[in-house]
All heavy atoms as atom14 arrays in JSON, in Angstrom:
{
  "sequence": "NLSGREAAELAAILPNPMRRSARTPGVLVRRLASVYEGRAAANPDLDG",
  "atom14_mask": [
    [1, 1, 1, 1, 1, 1, 1, 1, 0, 0, 0, 0, 0, 0],
    [1, 1, 1, 1, 1, 1, 1, 1, 0, 0, 0, 0, 0, 0],
    [1, 1, 1, 1, 1, 1, 0, 0, 0, 0, 0, 0, 0, 0],
    [1, 1, 1, 1, 0, 0, 0, 0, 0, 0, 0, 0, 0, 0],
    [1, 1, 1, 1, 1, 1, 1, 1, 1, 1, 1, 0, 0, 0],
    [1, 1, 1, 1, 1, 1, 1, 1, 1, 0, 0, 0, 0, 0],
    [1, 1, 1, 1, 1, 0, 0, 0, 0, 0, 0, 0, 0, 0],
    [1, 1, 1, 1, 1, 0, 0, 0, 0, 0, 0, 0, 0, 0],
    [1, 1, 1, 1, 1, 1, 1, 1, 1, 0, 0, 0, 0, 0],
    [1, 1, 1, 1, 1, 1, 1, 1, 0, 0, 0, 0, 0, 0],
    [1, 1, 1, 1, 1, 0, 0, 0, 0, 0, 0, 0, 0, 0],
    [1, 1, 1, 1, 1, 0, 0, 0, 0, 0, 0, 0, 0, 0],
    [1, 1, 1, 1, 1, 1, 1, 1, 0, 0, 0, 0, 0, 0],
    [1, 1, 1, 1, 1, 1, 1, 1, 0, 0, 0, 0, 0, 0],
    [1, 1, 1, 1, 1, 1, 1, 0, 0, 0, 0, 0, 0, 0],
    [1, 1, 1, 1, 1, 1, 1, 1, 0, 0, 0, 0, 0, 0],
    [1, 1, 1, 1, 1, 1, 1, 0, 0, 0, 0, 0, 0, 0],
    [1, 1, 1, 1, 1, 1, 1, 1, 0, 0, 0, 0, 0, 0],
    [1, 1, 1, 1, 1, 1, 1, 1, 1, 1, 1, 0, 0, 0],
    [1, 1, 1, 1, 1, 1, 1, 1, 1, 1, 1, 0, 0, 0],
    [1, 1, 1, 1, 1, 1, 0, 0, 0, 0, 0, 0, 0, 0],
    [1, 1, 1, 1, 1, 0, 0, 0, 0, 0, 0, 0, 0, 0],
    [1, 1, 1, 1, 1, 1, 1, 1, 1, 1, 1, 0, 0, 0],
    [1, 1, 1, 1, 1, 1, 1, 0, 0, 0, 0, 0, 0, 0],
    [1, 1, 1, 1, 1, 1, 1, 0, 0, 0, 0, 0, 0, 0],
    [1, 1, 1, 1, 0, 0, 0, 0, 0, 0, 0, 0, 0, 0],
    [1, 1, 1, 1, 1, 1, 1, 0, 0, 0, 0, 0, 0, 0],
    [1, 1, 1, 1, 1, 1, 1, 1, 0, 0, 0, 0, 0, 0],
    [1, 1, 1, 1, 1, 1, 1, 0, 0, 0, 0, 0, 0, 0],
    [1, 1, 1, 1, 1, 1, 1, 1, 1, 1, 1, 0, 0, 0],
    [1, 1, 1, 1, 1, 1, 1, 1, 1, 1, 1, 0, 0, 0],
    [1, 1, 1, 1, 1, 1, 1, 1, 0, 0, 0, 0, 0, 0],
    [1, 1, 1, 1, 1, 0, 0, 0, 0, 0, 0, 0, 0, 0],
    [1, 1, 1, 1, 1, 1, 0, 0, 0, 0, 0, 0, 0, 0],
    [1, 1, 1, 1, 1, 1, 1, 0, 0, 0, 0, 0, 0, 0],
    [1, 1, 1, 1, 1, 1, 1, 1, 1, 1, 1, 1, 0, 0],
    [1, 1, 1, 1, 1, 1, 1, 1, 1, 0, 0, 0, 0, 0],
    [1, 1, 1, 1, 0, 0, 0, 0, 0, 0, 0, 0, 0, 0],
    [1, 1, 1, 1, 1, 1, 1, 1, 1, 1, 1, 0, 0, 0],
    [1, 1, 1, 1, 1, 0, 0, 0, 0, 0, 0, 0, 0, 0],
    [1, 1, 1, 1, 1, 0, 0, 0, 0, 0, 0, 0, 0, 0],
    [1, 1, 1, 1, 1, 0, 0, 0, 0, 0, 0, 0, 0, 0],
    [1, 1, 1, 1, 1, 1, 1, 1, 0, 0, 0, 0, 0, 0],
    [1, 1, 1, 1, 1, 1, 1, 0, 0, 0, 0, 0, 0, 0],
    [1, 1, 1, 1, 1, 1, 1, 1, 0, 0, 0, 0, 0, 0],
    [1, 1, 1, 1, 1, 1, 1, 1, 0, 0, 0, 0, 0, 0],
    [1, 1, 1, 1, 1, 1, 1, 1, 0, 0, 0, 0, 0, 0],
    [1, 1, 1, 1, 0, 0, 0, 0, 0, 0, 0, 0, 0, 0]
  ],
  "atom14_positions": [
    [[-12.34, -1.76, -8.54], [-13.05, -1.18, -7.39], [-12.17, -0.96, -6.16], [-12.69, -0.71, -5.07], [-14.23, -2.08, -7.01], [-15.28, -2.14, -8.1], [-15.39, -1.23, -8.92], [-16.03, -3.23, -8.13], [0.0, 0.0, 0.0], [0.0, 0.0, 0.0], [0.0, 0.0, 0.0], [0.0, 0.0, 0.0], [0.0, 0.0, 0.0], [0.0, 0.0, 0.0]],
    [[-10.87, -1.06, -6.32], [-9.98, -0.87, -5.17], [-10.01, 0.57, -4.68], [-10.01, 1.52, -5.46], [-8.54, -1.23, -5.56], [-8.24, -2.7, -5.83], [-6.83, -2.85, -6.38], [-8.4, -3.53, -4.56], [0.0, 0.0, 0.0], [0.0, 0.0, 0.0], [0.0, 0.0, 0.0], [0.0, 0.0, 0.0], [0.0, 0.0, 0.0], [0.0, 0.0, 0.0]],
    [[-10.01, 0.72, -3.36], [-9.89, 2.05, -2.77], [-8.43, 2.45, -2.7], [-7.53, 1.63, -2.96], [-10.49, 2.05, -1.36], [-9.68, 1.23, -0.5], [0.0, 0.0, 0.0], [0.0, 0.0, 0.0], [0.0, 0.0, 0.0], [0.0, 0.0, 0.0], [0.0, 0.0, 0.0], [0.0, 0.0, 0.0], [0.0, 0.0, 0.0], [0.0, 0.0, 0.0]],
    [[-8.17, 3.7, -2.34], [-6.79, 4.15, -2.19], [-6.05, 3.37, -1.13], [-4.87, 3.02, -1.3], [0.0, 0.0, 0.0], [0.0, 0.0, 0.0], [0.0, 0.0, 0.0], [0.0, 0.0, 0.0], [0.0, 0.0, 0.0], [0.0, 0.0, 0.0], [0.0, 0.0, 0.0], [0.0, 0.0, 0.0], [0.0, 0.0, 0.0], [0.0, 0.0, 0.0]],
    [[-6.71, 3.06, -0.03], [-6.07, 2.3, 1.04], [-5.78, 0.87, 0.6], [-4.7, 0.33, 0.88], [-6.97, 2.29, 2.28], [-6.42, 1.48, 3.45], [-5.16, 2.12, 4.0], [-4.56, 1.32, 5.05], [-3.6, 1.77, 5.87], [-3.16, 3.01, 5.73], [-3.1, 1.01, 6.79], [0.0, 0.0, 0.0], [0.0, 0.0, 0.0], [0.0, 0.0, 0.0]],
    [[-6.72, 0.24, -0.07], [-6.51, -1.12, -0.54], [-5.38, -1.19, -1.56], [-4.56, -2.11, -1.55], [-7.81, -1.67, -1.12], [-8.87, -1.91, -0.07], [-10.26, -2.1, -0.65], [-10.47, -1.69, -1.81], [-11.14, -2.64, 0.06], [0.0, 0.0, 0.0], [0.0, 0.0, 0.0], [0.0, 0.0, 0.0], [0.0, 0.0, 0.0], [0.0, 0.0, 0.0]],
    [[-5.32, -0.2, -2.45], [-4.23, -0.15, -3.43], [-2.89, -0.01, -2.72], [-1.9, -0.65, -3.1], [-4.46, 1.01, -4.39], [0.0, 0.0, 0.0], [0.0, 0.0, 0.0], [0.0, 0.0, 0.0], [0.0, 0.0, 0.0], [0.0, 0.0, 0.0], [0.0, 0.0, 0.0], [0.0, 0.0, 0.0], [0.0, 0.0, 0.0], [0.0, 0.0, 0.0]],
    [[-2.84, 0.81, -1.69], [-1.61, 1.0, -0.95], [-1.19, -0.27, -0.22], [0.0, -0.59, -0.12], [-1.77, 2.15, 0.05], [0.0, 0.0, 0.0], [0.0, 0.0, 0.0], [0.0, 0.0, 0.0], [0.0, 0.0, 0.0], [0.0, 0.0, 0.0], [0.0, 0.0, 0.0], [0.0, 0.0, 0.0], [0.0, 0.0, 0.0], [0.0, 0.0, 0.0]],
    [[-2.16, -1.03, 0.28], [-1.83, -2.3, 0.94], [-1.28, -3.32, -0.05], [-0.34, -4.06, 0.26], [-3.07, -2.84, 1.67], [-3.42, -2.04, 2.9], [-4.62, -2.6, 3.65], [-5.27, -3.53, 3.12], [-4.9, -2.11, 4.76], [0.0, 0.0, 0.0], [0.0, 0.0, 0.0], [0.0, 0.0, 0.0], [0.0, 0.0, 0.0], [0.0, 0.0, 0.0]],
    [[-1.82, -3.35, -1.25], [-1.27, -4.23, -2.28], [0.14, -3.81, -2.65], [1.04, -4.64, -2.84], [-2.16, -4.25, -3.52], [-3.49, -5.0, -3.39], [-4.29, -4.9, -4.69], [-3.26, -6.46, -3.03], [0.0, 0.0, 0.0], [0.0, 0.0, 0.0], [0.0, 0.0, 0.0], [0.0, 0.0, 0.0], [0.0, 0.0, 0.0], [0.0, 0.0, 0.0]],
    [[0.36, -2.5, -2.75], [1.72, -2.01, -3.06], [2.69, -2.39, -1.95], [3.86, -2.67, -2.21], [1.69, -0.5, -3.25], [0.0, 0.0, 0.0], [0.0, 0.0, 0.0], [0.0, 0.0, 0.0], [0.0, 0.0, 0.0], [0.0, 0.0, 0.0], [0.0, 0.0, 0.0], [0.0, 0.0, 0.0], [0.0, 0.0, 0.0], [0.0, 0.0, 0.0]],
    [[2.2, -2.42, -0.72], [3.08, -2.7, 0.42], [3.56, -4.14, 0.47], [4.59, -4.42, 1.08], [2.34, -2.37, 1.74], [0.0, 0.0, 0.0], [0.0, 0.0, 0.0], [0.0, 0.0, 0.0], [0.0, 0.0, 0.0], [0.0, 0.0, 0.0], [0.0, 0.0, 0.0], [0.0, 0.0, 0.0], [0.0, 0.0, 0.0], [0.0, 0.0, 0.0]],
    [[2.84, -5.06, -0.17], [3.26, -6.47, -0.1], [4.08, -6.9, -1.32], [4.58, -8.02, -1.36], [2.06, -7.42, 0.06], [1.21, -7.47, -1.22], [1.22, -7.01, 1.26], [0.18, -8.58, -1.21], [0.0, 0.0, 0.0], [0.0, 0.0, 0.0], [0.0, 0.0, 0.0], [0.0, 0.0, 0.0], [0.0, 0.0, 0.0], [0.0, 0.0, 0.0]],
    [[4.23, -6.02, -2.3], [4.93, -6.4, -3.53], [6.34, -6.96, -3.32], [6.72, -7.9, -4.02], [4.99, -5.22, -4.5], [3.81, -5.09, -5.45], [3.91, -3.82, -6.27], [3.71, -6.29, -6.37], [0.0, 0.0, 0.0], [0.0, 0.0, 0.0], [0.0, 0.0, 0.0], [0.0, 0.0, 0.0], [0.0, 0.0, 0.0], [0.0, 0.0, 0.0]],
    [[7.13, -6.46, -2.39], [8.47, -7.04, -2.27], [8.47, -8.51, -1.85], [9.39, -9.24, -2.21], [9.14, -6.18, -1.19], [8.35, -4.91, -1.17], [6.95, -5.31, -1.51], [0.0, 0.0, 0.0], [0.0, 0.0, 0.0], [0.0, 0.0, 0.0], [0.0, 0.0, 0.0], [0.0, 0.0, 0.0], [0.0, 0.0, 0.0], [0.0, 0.0, 0.0]],
    [[7.46, -8.93, -1.09], [7.48, -10.29, -0.58], [6.06, -10.78, -0.25], [5.66, -10.81, 0.91], [8.36, -10.39, 0.67], [8.71, -11.83, 1.01], [8.02, -12.76, 0.6], [9.76, -12.01, 1.76], [0.0, 0.0, 0.0], [0.0, 0.0, 0.0], [0.0, 0.0, 0.0], [0.0, 0.0, 0.0], [0.0, 0.0, 0.0], [0.0, 0.0, 0.0]],
    [[5.29, -11.17, -1.28], [3.91, -11.6, -1.03], [3.81, -12.93, -0.3], [2.71, -13.33, 0.09], [3.32, -11.7, -2.44], [4.5, -11.96, -3.33], [5.64, -11.2, -2.72], [0.0, 0.0, 0.0], [0.0, 0.0, 0.0], [0.0, 0.0, 0.0], [0.0, 0.0, 0.0], [0.0, 0.0, 0.0], [0.0, 0.0, 0.0], [0.0, 0.0, 0.0]],
    [[4.93, -13.62, -0.14], [4.9, -14.87, 0.62], [4.88, -14.59, 2.13], [4.34, -15.38, 2.9], [6.11, -15.74, 0.28], [6.21, -16.12, -1.16], [4.76, -17.07, -1.69], [5.12, -17.27, -3.42], [0.0, 0.0, 0.0], [0.0, 0.0, 0.0], [0.0, 0.0, 0.0], [0.0, 0.0, 0.0], [0.0, 0.0, 0.0], [0.0, 0.0, 0.0]],
    [[5.45, -13.48, 2.54], [5.55, -13.18, 3.97], [4.65, -12.01, 4.38], [4.41, -11.83, 5.57], [7.0, -12.85, 4.33], [7.97, -14.0, 4.09], [9.37, -13.67, 4.52], [9.45, -13.39, 5.94], [10.57, -13.04, 6.57], [11.7, -12.91, 5.88], [10.57, -12.8, 7.86], [0.0, 0.0, 0.0], [0.0, 0.0, 0.0], [0.0, 0.0, 0.0]],
    [[4.18, -11.24, 3.43], [3.29, -10.12, 3.73], [1.94, -10.38, 3.09], [1.85, -11.01, 2.04], [3.86, -8.81, 3.2], [5.22, -8.46, 3.78], [5.72, -7.15, 3.19], [7.11, -6.9, 3.59], [7.81, -5.87, 3.15], [7.28, -5.01, 2.3], [9.06, -5.71, 3.55], [0.0, 0.0, 0.0], [0.0, 0.0, 0.0], [0.0, 0.0, 0.0]],
    [[0.9, -9.86, 3.7], [-0.45, -10.12, 3.21], [-1.3, -8.86, 3.27], [-1.3, -8.14, 4.27], [-1.11, -11.21, 4.06], [-2.46, -11.38, 3.71], [0.0, 0.0, 0.0], [0.0, 0.0, 0.0], [0.0, 0.0, 0.0], [0.0, 0.0, 0.0], [0.0, 0.0, 0.0], [0.0, 0.0, 0.0], [0.0, 0.0, 0.0], [0.0, 0.0, 0.0]],
    [[-2.0, -8.6, 2.17], [-3.01, -7.54, 2.19], [-4.35, -8.08, 2.65], [-5.23, -7.32, 3.06], [-3.13, -6.93, 0.79], [0.0, 0.0, 0.0], [0.0, 0.0, 0.0], [0.0, 0.0, 0.0], [0.0, 0.0, 0.0], [0.0, 0.0, 0.0], [0.0, 0.0, 0.0], [0.0, 0.0, 0.0], [0.0, 0.0, 0.0], [0.0, 0.0, 0.0]],
    [[-4.5, -9.37, 2.61], [-5.74, -10.01, 3.06], [-5.84, -9.96, 4.58], [-6.92, -9.68, 5.13], [-5.76, -11.46, 2.57], [-7.07, -12.19, 2.78], [-7.03, -13.54, 2.1], [-8.3, -14.22, 2.14], [-8.57, -15.33, 1.46], [-7.64, -15.86, 0.68], [-9.75, -15.9, 1.56], [0.0, 0.0, 0.0], [0.0, 0.0, 0.0], [0.0, 0.0, 0.0]],
    [[-4.72, -10.22, 5.25], [-4.64, -10.1, 6.71], [-3.4, -9.28, 7.04], [-2.37, -9.84, 7.45], [-4.56, -11.49, 7.37], [-3.46, -12.22, 6.8], [-5.85, -12.26, 7.15], [0.0, 0.0, 0.0], [0.0, 0.0, 0.0], [0.0, 0.0, 0.0], [0.0, 0.0, 0.0], [0.0, 0.0, 0.0], [0.0, 0.0, 0.0], [0.0, 0.0, 0.0]],
    [[-3.46, -7.98, 6.84], [-2.25, -7.15, 6.96], [-1.73, -7.07, 8.39], [-2.49, -6.89, 9.33], [-2.71, -5.77, 6.47], [-4.19, -5.77, 6.67], [-4.64, -7.19, 6.46], [0.0, 0.0, 0.0], [0.0, 0.0, 0.0], [0.0, 0.0, 0.0], [0.0, 0.0, 0.0], [0.0, 0.0, 0.0], [0.0, 0.0, 0.0], [0.0, 0.0, 0.0]],
    [[-0.42, -7.23, 8.5], [0.23, -7.08, 9.79], [0.65, -5.64, 10.02], [0.33, -4.73, 9.24], [0.0, 0.0, 0.0], [0.0, 0.0, 0.0], [0.0, 0.0, 0.0], [0.0, 0.0, 0.0], [0.0, 0.0, 0.0], [0.0, 0.0, 0.0], [0.0, 0.0, 0.0], [0.0, 0.0, 0.0], [0.0, 0.0, 0.0], [0.0, 0.0, 0.0]],
    [[1.39, -5.43, 11.09], [1.8, -4.08, 11.47], [2.63, -3.43, 10.38], [2.43, -2.26, 10.02], [2.58, -4.11, 12.8], [3.13, -2.72, 13.13], [1.69, -4.61, 13.94], [0.0, 0.0, 0.0], [0.0, 0.0, 0.0], [0.0, 0.0, 0.0], [0.0, 0.0, 0.0], [0.0, 0.0, 0.0], [0.0, 0.0, 0.0], [0.0, 0.0, 0.0]],
    [[3.61, -4.16, 9.83], [4.47, -3.58, 8.81], [3.69, -3.21, 7.56], [3.88, -2.12, 7.01], [5.6, -4.56, 8.46], [6.53, -4.12, 7.32], [7.22, -2.8, 7.68], [7.54, -5.2, 7.0], [0.0, 0.0, 0.0], [0.0, 0.0, 0.0], [0.0, 0.0, 0.0], [0.0, 0.0, 0.0], [0.0, 0.0, 0.0], [0.0, 0.0, 0.0]],
    [[2.8, -4.08, 7.1], [2.02, -3.78, 5.9], [1.14, -2.55, 6.13], [1.05, -1.67, 5.27], [1.17, -4.99, 5.49], [0.16, -4.62, 4.41], [2.07, -6.12, 4.98], [0.0, 0.0, 0.0], [0.0, 0.0, 0.0], [0.0, 0.0, 0.0], [0.0, 0.0, 0.0], [0.0, 0.0, 0.0], [0.0, 0.0, 0.0], [0.0, 0.0, 0.0]],
    [[0.53, -2.45, 7.3], [-0.31, -1.28, 7.59], [0.53, -0.02, 7.65], [0.11, 1.04, 7.17], [-1.07, -1.5, 8.9], [-2.14, -2.59, 8.82], [-3.12, -2.49, 9.99], [-2.45, -2.7, 11.27], [-2.31, -3.87, 11.86], [-2.79, -4.97, 11.27], [-1.72, -3.98, 13.03], [0.0, 0.0, 0.0], [0.0, 0.0, 0.0], [0.0, 0.0, 0.0]],
    [[1.71, -0.14, 8.23], [2.59, 1.03, 8.32], [3.03, 1.49, 6.94], [2.98, 2.69, 6.61], [3.8, 0.67, 9.17], [4.83, 1.79, 9.31], [6.08, 1.29, 10.0], [7.13, 2.29, 10.03], [8.41, 2.0, 10.15], [8.81, 0.76, 10.25], [9.31, 2.96, 10.19], [0.0, 0.0, 0.0], [0.0, 0.0, 0.0], [0.0, 0.0, 0.0]],
    [[3.47, 0.55, 6.12], [3.9, 0.89, 4.77], [2.75, 1.44, 3.94], [2.91, 2.4, 3.19], [4.51, -0.33, 4.08], [5.84, -0.83, 4.62], [6.22, -2.17, 3.97], [6.95, 0.19, 4.39], [0.0, 0.0, 0.0], [0.0, 0.0, 0.0], [0.0, 0.0, 0.0], [0.0, 0.0, 0.0], [0.0, 0.0, 0.0], [0.0, 0.0, 0.0]],
    [[1.57, 0.83, 4.07], [0.42, 1.29, 3.32], [0.08, 2.74, 3.66], [-0.27, 3.54, 2.78], [-0.78, 0.39, 3.59], [0.0, 0.0, 0.0], [0.0, 0.0, 0.0], [0.0, 0.0, 0.0], [0.0, 0.0, 0.0], [0.0, 0.0, 0.0], [0.0, 0.0, 0.0], [0.0, 0.0, 0.0], [0.0, 0.0, 0.0], [0.0, 0.0, 0.0]],
    [[0.2, 3.11, 4.92], [-0.06, 4.5, 5.32], [0.94, 5.44, 4.66], [0.58, 6.53, 4.19], [0.02, 4.64, 6.84], [-1.01, 3.9, 7.47], [0.0, 0.0, 0.0], [0.0, 0.0, 0.0], [0.0, 0.0, 0.0], [0.0, 0.0, 0.0], [0.0, 0.0, 0.0], [0.0, 0.0, 0.0], [0.0, 0.0, 0.0], [0.0, 0.0, 0.0]],
    [[2.21, 5.02, 4.63], [3.24, 5.84, 3.99], [2.95, 6.0, 2.51], [2.98, 7.11, 1.96], [4.63, 5.21, 4.2], [5.68, 5.94, 3.37], [5.01, 5.24, 5.67], [0.0, 0.0, 0.0], [0.0, 0.0, 0.0], [0.0, 0.0, 0.0], [0.0, 0.0, 0.0], [0.0, 0.0, 0.0], [0.0, 0.0, 0.0], [0.0, 0.0, 0.0]],
    [[2.63, 4.9, 1.83], [2.42, 4.95, 0.39], [1.13, 5.68, 0.03], [1.08, 6.42, -0.97], [2.39, 3.54, -0.2], [3.66, 2.77, 0.03], [3.65, 1.38, 0.12], [4.89, 3.41, 0.16], [4.82, 0.66, 0.33], [6.07, 2.7, 0.38], [6.01, 1.32, 0.46], [7.17, 0.61, 0.68], [0.0, 0.0, 0.0], [0.0, 0.0, 0.0]],
    [[0.1, 5.5, 0.83], [-1.15, 6.23, 0.59], [-0.93, 7.73, 0.73], [-1.42, 8.52, -0.09], [-2.22, 5.74, 1.56], [-3.61, 6.31, 1.29], [-4.65, 5.78, 2.25], [-4.28, 5.24, 3.33], [-5.84, 5.91, 1.95], [0.0, 0.0, 0.0], [0.0, 0.0, 0.0], [0.0, 0.0, 0.0], [0.0, 0.0, 0.0], [0.0, 0.0, 0.0]],
    [[-0.18, 8.11, 1.77], [0.11, 9.53, 1.94], [0.99, 10.08, 0.84], [0.78, 11.21, 0.37], [0.0, 0.0, 0.0], [0.0, 0.0, 0.0], [0.0, 0.0, 0.0], [0.0, 0.0, 0.0], [0.0, 0.0, 0.0], [0.0, 0.0, 0.0], [0.0, 0.0, 0.0], [0.0, 0.0, 0.0], [0.0, 0.0, 0.0], [0.0, 0.0, 0.0]],
    [[1.96, 9.3, 0.41], [2.85, 9.74, -0.67], [2.08, 9.92, -1.97], [2.3, 10.88, -2.72], [3.97, 8.7, -0.84], [5.11, 9.13, -1.74], [6.15, 8.03, -1.82], [6.82, 7.82, -0.55], [7.63, 6.79, -0.3], [7.85, 5.87, -1.23], [8.22, 6.67, 0.88], [0.0, 0.0, 0.0], [0.0, 0.0, 0.0], [0.0, 0.0, 0.0]],
    [[1.15, 9.01, -2.24], [0.34, 9.12, -3.46], [-0.58, 10.34, -3.4], [-0.74, 11.05, -4.4], [-0.48, 7.84, -3.65], [0.0, 0.0, 0.0], [0.0, 0.0, 0.0], [0.0, 0.0, 0.0], [0.0, 0.0, 0.0], [0.0, 0.0, 0.0], [0.0, 0.0, 0.0], [0.0, 0.0, 0.0], [0.0, 0.0, 0.0], [0.0, 0.0, 0.0]],
    [[-1.16, 10.57, -2.24], [-2.05, 11.73, -2.1], [-1.29, 13.04, -2.25], [-1.81, 14.01, -2.81], [-2.75, 11.68, -0.74], [0.0, 0.0, 0.0], [0.0, 0.0, 0.0], [0.0, 0.0, 0.0], [0.0, 0.0, 0.0], [0.0, 0.0, 0.0], [0.0, 0.0, 0.0], [0.0, 0.0, 0.0], [0.0, 0.0, 0.0], [0.0, 0.0, 0.0]],
    [[-0.06, 13.07, -1.77], [0.74, 14.29, -1.84], [1.36, 14.51, -3.22], [1.75, 15.63, -3.54], [1.85, 14.25, -0.79], [0.0, 0.0, 0.0], [0.0, 0.0, 0.0], [0.0, 0.0, 0.0], [0.0, 0.0, 0.0], [0.0, 0.0, 0.0], [0.0, 0.0, 0.0], [0.0, 0.0, 0.0], [0.0, 0.0, 0.0], [0.0, 0.0, 0.0]],
    [[1.44, 13.44, -4.02], [2.08, 13.54, -5.34], [1.19, 12.9, -6.4], [1.54, 11.87, -6.99], [3.44, 12.86, -5.33], [4.39, 13.46, -4.32], [5.03, 14.47, -4.58], [4.48, 12.83, -3.15], [0.0, 0.0, 0.0], [0.0, 0.0, 0.0], [0.0, 0.0, 0.0], [0.0, 0.0, 0.0], [0.0, 0.0, 0.0], [0.0, 0.0, 0.0]],
    [[0.03, 13.47, -6.68], [-0.92, 12.84, -7.61], [-0.43, 12.79, -9.05], [-1.05, 12.11, -9.88], [-2.17, 13.72, -7.47], [-1.65, 15.05, -7.03], [-0.49, 14.75, -6.14], [0.0, 0.0, 0.0], [0.0, 0.0, 0.0], [0.0, 0.0, 0.0], [0.0, 0.0, 0.0], [0.0, 0.0, 0.0], [0.0, 0.0, 0.0], [0.0, 0.0, 0.0]],
    [[0.65, 13.5, -9.35], [1.17, 13.51, -10.72], [2.28, 12.5, -10.94], [2.9, 12.49, -12.02], [1.68, 14.92, -11.08], [0.57, 15.95, -11.07], [-0.57, 15.58, -11.42], [0.85, 17.12, -10.71], [0.0, 0.0, 0.0], [0.0, 0.0, 0.0], [0.0, 0.0, 0.0], [0.0, 0.0, 0.0], [0.0, 0.0, 0.0], [0.0, 0.0, 0.0]],
    [[2.57, 11.66, -9.95], [3.64, 10.68, -10.11], [3.4, 9.76, -11.3], [4.34, 9.28, -11.92], [3.77, 9.83, -8.83], [4.53, 10.43, -7.65], [4.52, 9.45, -6.48], [5.97, 10.77, -8.04], [0.0, 0.0, 0.0], [0.0, 0.0, 0.0], [0.0, 0.0, 0.0], [0.0, 0.0, 0.0], [0.0, 0.0, 0.0], [0.0, 0.0, 0.0]],
    [[2.12, 9.5, -11.61], [1.8, 8.6, -12.71], [1.35, 9.38, -13.95], [0.61, 8.84, -14.79], [0.72, 7.61, -12.29], [-0.6, 8.29, -11.94], [-0.6, 9.51, -11.72], [-1.62, 7.58, -11.84], [0.0, 0.0, 0.0], [0.0, 0.0, 0.0], [0.0, 0.0, 0.0], [0.0, 0.0, 0.0], [0.0, 0.0, 0.0], [0.0, 0.0, 0.0]],
    [[1.81, 10.61, -14.09], [1.39, 11.44, -15.21], [1.68, 10.82, -16.58], [0.89, 10.94, -17.51], [0.0, 0.0, 0.0], [0.0, 0.0, 0.0], [0.0, 0.0, 0.0], [0.0, 0.0, 0.0], [0.0, 0.0, 0.0], [0.0, 0.0, 0.0], [0.0, 0.0, 0.0], [0.0, 0.0, 0.0], [0.0, 0.0, 0.0], [0.0, 0.0, 0.0]]
  ]
}
């Protein structure tokens, strides 16, 4: 049931889940999530 934004926030914490959180996202996680959400929307065939 994850939304596109929630999926992007989980992707944003993958490098370091000890210091980044999707549960309480900080500025960096929100910034990265916006980038990844936009990248996914612009390239829907990346997972073809």
